[in-house]
Every structure is written in C-alpha cells, then in structure tokens.
Amino acid sequence: MPFTAMSGHEYSISQLGLSIFQEDFTSVISGVDIDLVTMPIPPGQYELRVNTTMGGVNIFLPHYARFTINGTTLMGGKDIHSGARYWGKLVKKFKKQMDLPDFPPEFALTEFNPQQPVIIHLVLNTAMGGVDIYQL
C-alpha cells in the first residue's frame, strides 16, 4: 500500500502498469497525483482506491474511460474537470519522473467505445482534503 505523509508523491500507470489498480493509496497531510493517461488501459472494469487526510488528490483520466465515484468525504470536496488542456497540468506534476511530450498521446483522446468499455470505479475517502479529477 503506497503511503505518503507530509510530502507529495506521484504515481503513474506508465511506471506501475495495471498493478496501479491493485494498490490502496493513502496520504496524510500531503498530496497524491495519479496518472492513468500515459499508457493505454485495456477494456475492462478497474477500481482505484485513495484515502487521504488533510491533503489533496489529483487523478488524471483518459478521455475514453468512464468512471464512477464512491467513498466518503468529510470537510472536503470532489471536482471534475474535462478537456485536453489539462494535459499541461499532468506534464507539470510528473516532470520530475517522466519526460512527456507537449501534447497528449492520441490514444488518450479517443472516444468511449461501448463495445470495448474501460470503466474505472474511483473509491475516494477524504477527510479535510479535496479531490480533483481531470479527464482529457
């Protein structure tokens, strides 16, 4: 279980592969950034679990994925942002870890395919912190 306390951390599907969906991410008094954009996700259903206390979470999703949000929020919020313009925000967050191009990969911007759906169930438990979801 990845744990972060009093410092931010970035996790990328490009580095962890699909095992990113087998982890519970926990953050205390810090931020967590999760990239699910830089590697194609095969069709299927996945679950991403994030627990945070007094910290923020940024999750970057590809355009083709559909998602649900579950979990508990205490004194915090969840905001959803959409548009390819958020690629630049991902590049800034992950620039220490990865050399990313100026533009998102073409696969990340493809439309949702109901014949081969990618569905991500976000389980977000937050206390005194916010979650921002950026879908390209």
C-alpha atoms as a PDB file:
ATOM      1  CA  MET A   1       0.000   0.000   0.000  1.00  0.00           C
ATOM      2  CA  PRO A   2       1.647   3.264  -1.090  1.00  0.00           C
ATOM      3  CA  PHE A   3       1.679   5.694   1.840  1.00  0.00           C
ATOM      4  CA  THR A   4       2.626   9.362   1.752  1.00  0.00           C
ATOM      5  CA  ALA A   5       2.979  11.642   4.773  1.00  0.00           C
ATOM      6  CA  MET A   6       3.911  15.306   4.804  1.00  0.00           C
ATOM      7  CA  SER A   7       5.179  15.312   1.224  1.00  0.00           C
ATOM      8  CA  GLY A   8       3.645  14.875  -2.175  1.00  0.00           C
ATOM      9  CA  HIS A   9       4.013  11.826  -4.367  1.00  0.00           C
ATOM     10  CA  GLU A  10       3.224  10.931  -7.958  1.00  0.00           C
ATOM     11  CA  TYR A  11       2.115   7.541  -9.268  1.00  0.00           C
ATOM     12  CA  SER A  12       1.888   6.722 -12.967  1.00  0.00           C
ATOM     13  CA  ILE A  13       0.334   3.880 -14.889  1.00  0.00           C
ATOM     14  CA  SER A  14       3.342   4.130 -17.233  1.00  0.00           C
ATOM     15  CA  GLN A  15       5.595   3.020 -14.388  1.00  0.00           C
ATOM     16  CA  LEU A  16       3.300   0.740 -12.361  1.00  0.00           C
ATOM     17  CA  GLY A  17       1.260  -0.736 -15.200  1.00  0.00           C
ATOM     18  CA  LEU A  18      -2.141  -2.192 -14.377  1.00  0.00           C
ATOM     19  CA  SER A  19      -0.906  -3.027 -10.871  1.00  0.00           C
ATOM     20  CA  ILE A  20      -1.822   0.591 -10.071  1.00  0.00           C
ATOM     21  CA  PHE A  21      -5.383  -0.727  -9.678  1.00  0.00           C
ATOM     22  CA  GLN A  22      -4.282  -3.290  -7.082  1.00  0.00           C
ATOM     23  CA  GLU A  23      -2.984  -0.677  -4.640  1.00  0.00           C
ATOM     24  CA  ASP A  24      -4.707   1.377  -1.940  1.00  0.00           C
ATOM     25  CA  PHE A  25      -3.167   4.843  -1.943  1.00  0.00           C
ATOM     26  CA  THR A  26      -3.039   6.608   1.424  1.00  0.00           C
ATOM     27  CA  SER A  27      -1.946  10.165   2.057  1.00  0.00           C
ATOM     28  CA  VAL A  28      -1.717  12.105   5.335  1.00  0.00           C
ATOM     29  CA  ILE A  29      -1.005  15.838   5.337  1.00  0.00           C
ATOM     30  CA  SER A  30       0.248  15.664   1.762  1.00  0.00           C
ATOM     31  CA  GLY A  31      -0.811  15.377  -1.836  1.00  0.00           C
ATOM     32  CA  VAL A  32      -1.053  12.487  -4.257  1.00  0.00           C
ATOM     33  CA  ASP A  33      -1.073  12.708  -8.053  1.00  0.00           C
ATOM     34  CA  ILE A  34      -2.216   9.664 -10.045  1.00  0.00           C
ATOM     35  CA  ASP A  35      -1.716   9.407 -13.811  1.00  0.00           C
ATOM     36  CA  LEU A  36      -3.939   6.973 -15.712  1.00  0.00           C
ATOM     37  CA  VAL A  37      -3.378   8.681 -19.071  1.00  0.00           C
ATOM     38  CA  THR A  38       0.131   7.893 -20.310  1.00  0.00           C
ATOM     39  CA  MET A  39      -0.457   4.202 -21.059  1.00  0.00           C
ATOM     40  CA  PRO A  40      -3.481   2.657 -22.792  1.00  0.00           C
ATOM     41  CA  ILE A  41      -5.836   0.811 -20.461  1.00  0.00           C
ATOM     42  CA  PRO A  42      -7.291  -2.407 -21.898  1.00  0.00           C
ATOM     43  CA  PRO A  43     -11.093  -2.792 -21.902  1.00  0.00           C
ATOM     44  CA  GLY A  44     -12.489  -3.884 -18.560  1.00  0.00           C
ATOM     45  CA  GLN A  45     -13.548  -2.644 -15.158  1.00  0.00           C
ATOM     46  CA  TYR A  46     -10.999  -1.369 -12.662  1.00  0.00           C
ATOM     47  CA  GLU A  47     -11.036   0.034  -9.144  1.00  0.00           C
ATOM     48  CA  LEU A  48      -8.772   2.779  -7.803  1.00  0.00           C
ATOM     49  CA  ARG A  49      -8.808   3.329  -4.028  1.00  0.00           C
ATOM     50  CA  VAL A  50      -7.476   6.539  -2.466  1.00  0.00           C
ATOM     51  CA  ASN A  51      -7.627   7.541   1.211  1.00  0.00           C
ATOM     52  CA  THR A  52      -6.459  10.975   2.264  1.00  0.00           C
ATOM     53  CA  THR A  53      -6.486  13.049   5.431  1.00  0.00           C
ATOM     54  CA  MET A  54      -5.574  16.738   5.243  1.00  0.00           C
ATOM     55  CA  GLY A  55      -4.277  16.520   1.702  1.00  0.00           C
ATOM     56  CA  GLY A  56      -5.254  16.781  -1.905  1.00  0.00           C
ATOM     57  CA  VAL A  57      -5.561  14.225  -4.665  1.00  0.00           C
ATOM     58  CA  ASN A  58      -5.277  14.789  -8.417  1.00  0.00           C
ATOM     59  CA  ILE A  59      -6.362  11.962 -10.710  1.00  0.00           C
ATOM     60  CA  PHE A  60      -5.802  12.191 -14.475  1.00  0.00           C
ATOM     61  CA  LEU A  61      -8.067  10.036 -16.669  1.00  0.00           C
ATOM     62  CA  PRO A  62      -8.065   9.357 -20.411  1.00  0.00           C
ATOM     63  CA  HIS A  63     -10.995  10.621 -22.453  1.00  0.00           C
ATOM     64  CA  TYR A  64     -12.138   7.103 -23.403  1.00  0.00           C
ATOM     65  CA  ALA A  65     -12.670   5.946 -19.802  1.00  0.00           C
ATOM     66  CA  ARG A  66     -15.936   6.191 -17.937  1.00  0.00           C
ATOM     67  CA  PHE A  67     -15.814   6.427 -14.174  1.00  0.00           C
ATOM     68  CA  THR A  68     -17.891   6.208 -11.033  1.00  0.00           C
ATOM     69  CA  ILE A  69     -17.147   7.910  -7.728  1.00  0.00           C
ATOM     70  CA  ASN A  70     -17.824   6.311  -4.351  1.00  0.00           C
ATOM     71  CA  GLY A  71     -16.436   6.813  -0.883  1.00  0.00           C
ATOM     72  CA  THR A  72     -16.831   9.220   1.994  1.00  0.00           C
ATOM     73  CA  THR A  73     -15.957  12.904   2.147  1.00  0.00           C
ATOM     74  CA  LEU A  74     -15.626  14.785   5.421  1.00  0.00           C
ATOM     75  CA  MET A  75     -14.871  18.507   5.144  1.00  0.00           C
ATOM     76  CA  GLY A  76     -13.626  18.383   1.586  1.00  0.00           C
ATOM     77  CA  GLY A  77     -14.846  18.202  -1.961  1.00  0.00           C
ATOM     78  CA  LYS A  78     -14.556  16.461  -5.275  1.00  0.00           C
ATOM     79  CA  ASP A  79     -14.299  18.426  -8.519  1.00  0.00           C
ATOM     80  CA  ILE A  80     -14.378  17.077 -12.053  1.00  0.00           C
ATOM     81  CA  HIS A  81     -12.617  18.914 -14.887  1.00  0.00           C
ATOM     82  CA  SER A  82     -12.631  17.876 -18.521  1.00  0.00           C
ATOM     83  CA  GLY A  83     -10.686  18.784 -21.612  1.00  0.00           C
ATOM     84  CA  ALA A  84      -7.395  18.056 -23.329  1.00  0.00           C
ATOM     85  CA  ARG A  85      -5.998  21.318 -21.927  1.00  0.00           C
ATOM     86  CA  TYR A  86      -5.371  19.500 -18.618  1.00  0.00           C
ATOM     87  CA  TRP A  87      -2.548  17.543 -20.236  1.00  0.00           C
ATOM     88  CA  GLY A  88      -0.281  20.501 -19.404  1.00  0.00           C
ATOM     89  CA  LYS A  89      -1.165  20.170 -15.719  1.00  0.00           C
ATOM     90  CA  LEU A  90      -0.221  16.469 -15.807  1.00  0.00           C
ATOM     91  CA  VAL A  91       3.086  17.284 -17.524  1.00  0.00           C
ATOM     92  CA  LYS A  92       3.920  19.802 -14.769  1.00  0.00           C
ATOM     93  CA  LYS A  93       3.054  17.358 -11.974  1.00  0.00           C
ATOM     94  CA  PHE A  94       5.079  14.481 -13.444  1.00  0.00           C
ATOM     95  CA  LYS A  95       8.028  16.347 -14.989  1.00  0.00           C
ATOM     96  CA  LYS A  96      10.459  15.049 -12.338  1.00  0.00           C
ATOM     97  CA  GLN A  97       9.569  11.433 -13.109  1.00  0.00           C
ATOM     98  CA  MET A  98       8.896  11.331 -16.835  1.00  0.00           C
ATOM     99  CA  ASP A  99       9.792  13.156 -19.985  1.00  0.00           C
ATOM    100  CA  LEU A 100       6.360  13.768 -21.510  1.00  0.00           C
ATOM    101  CA  PRO A 101       5.535  15.342 -24.878  1.00  0.00           C
ATOM    102  CA  ASP A 102       3.797  18.710 -25.160  1.00  0.00           C
ATOM    103  CA  PHE A 103       0.616  17.082 -26.407  1.00  0.00           C
ATOM    104  CA  PRO A 104      -1.325  14.085 -25.046  1.00  0.00           C
ATOM    105  CA  PRO A 105      -0.952  10.743 -26.808  1.00  0.00           C
ATOM    106  CA  GLU A 106      -3.594  10.172 -29.463  1.00  0.00           C
ATOM    107  CA  PHE A 107      -4.965   7.066 -27.713  1.00  0.00           C
ATOM    108  CA  ALA A 108      -5.725   9.131 -24.581  1.00  0.00           C
ATOM    109  CA  LEU A 109      -8.122  11.356 -26.519  1.00  0.00           C
ATOM    110  CA  THR A 110     -10.144   8.639 -28.262  1.00  0.00           C
ATOM    111  CA  GLU A 111     -13.863   8.390 -27.653  1.00  0.00           C
ATOM    112  CA  PHE A 112     -15.522   5.913 -25.304  1.00  0.00           C
ATOM    113  CA  ASN A 113     -16.125   2.603 -27.075  1.00  0.00           C
ATOM    114  CA  PRO A 114     -19.232   0.805 -25.739  1.00  0.00           C
ATOM    115  CA  GLN A 115     -18.082  -2.444 -27.435  1.00  0.00           C
ATOM    116  CA  GLN A 116     -14.787  -2.326 -25.501  1.00  0.00           C
ATOM    117  CA  PRO A 117     -15.518  -0.165 -22.448  1.00  0.00           C
ATOM    118  CA  VAL A 118     -12.975   0.998 -19.921  1.00  0.00           C
ATOM    119  CA  ILE A 119     -14.738   1.697 -16.639  1.00  0.00           C
ATOM    120  CA  ILE A 120     -12.868   2.916 -13.584  1.00  0.00           C
ATOM    121  CA  HIS A 121     -14.518   2.838 -10.171  1.00  0.00           C
ATOM    122  CA  LEU A 122     -12.951   5.533  -8.001  1.00  0.00           C
ATOM    123  CA  VAL A 123     -13.276   4.867  -4.265  1.00  0.00           C
ATOM    124  CA  LEU A 124     -12.232   8.139  -2.660  1.00  0.00           C
ATOM    125  CA  ASN A 125     -12.256   8.531   1.121  1.00  0.00           C
ATOM    126  CA  THR A 126     -11.224  12.033   2.118  1.00  0.00           C
ATOM    127  CA  ALA A 127     -11.130  13.982   5.362  1.00  0.00           C
ATOM    128  CA  MET A 128     -10.223  17.654   5.239  1.00  0.00           C
ATOM    129  CA  GLY A 129      -8.953  17.443   1.704  1.00  0.00           C
ATOM    130  CA  GLY A 130     -10.093  17.721  -1.838  1.00  0.00           C
ATOM    131  CA  VAL A 131     -10.031  15.562  -4.929  1.00  0.00           C
ATOM    132  CA  ASP A 132      -9.655  16.908  -8.456  1.00  0.00           C
ATOM    133  CA  ILE A 133     -10.392  14.574 -11.340  1.00  0.00           C
ATOM    134  CA  TYR A 134      -9.060  15.684 -14.720  1.00  0.00           C
ATOM    135  CA  GLN A 135     -10.436  13.805 -17.702  1.00  0.00           C
ATOM    136  CA  LEU A 136      -8.788  14.674 -21.003  1.00  0.00           C
END
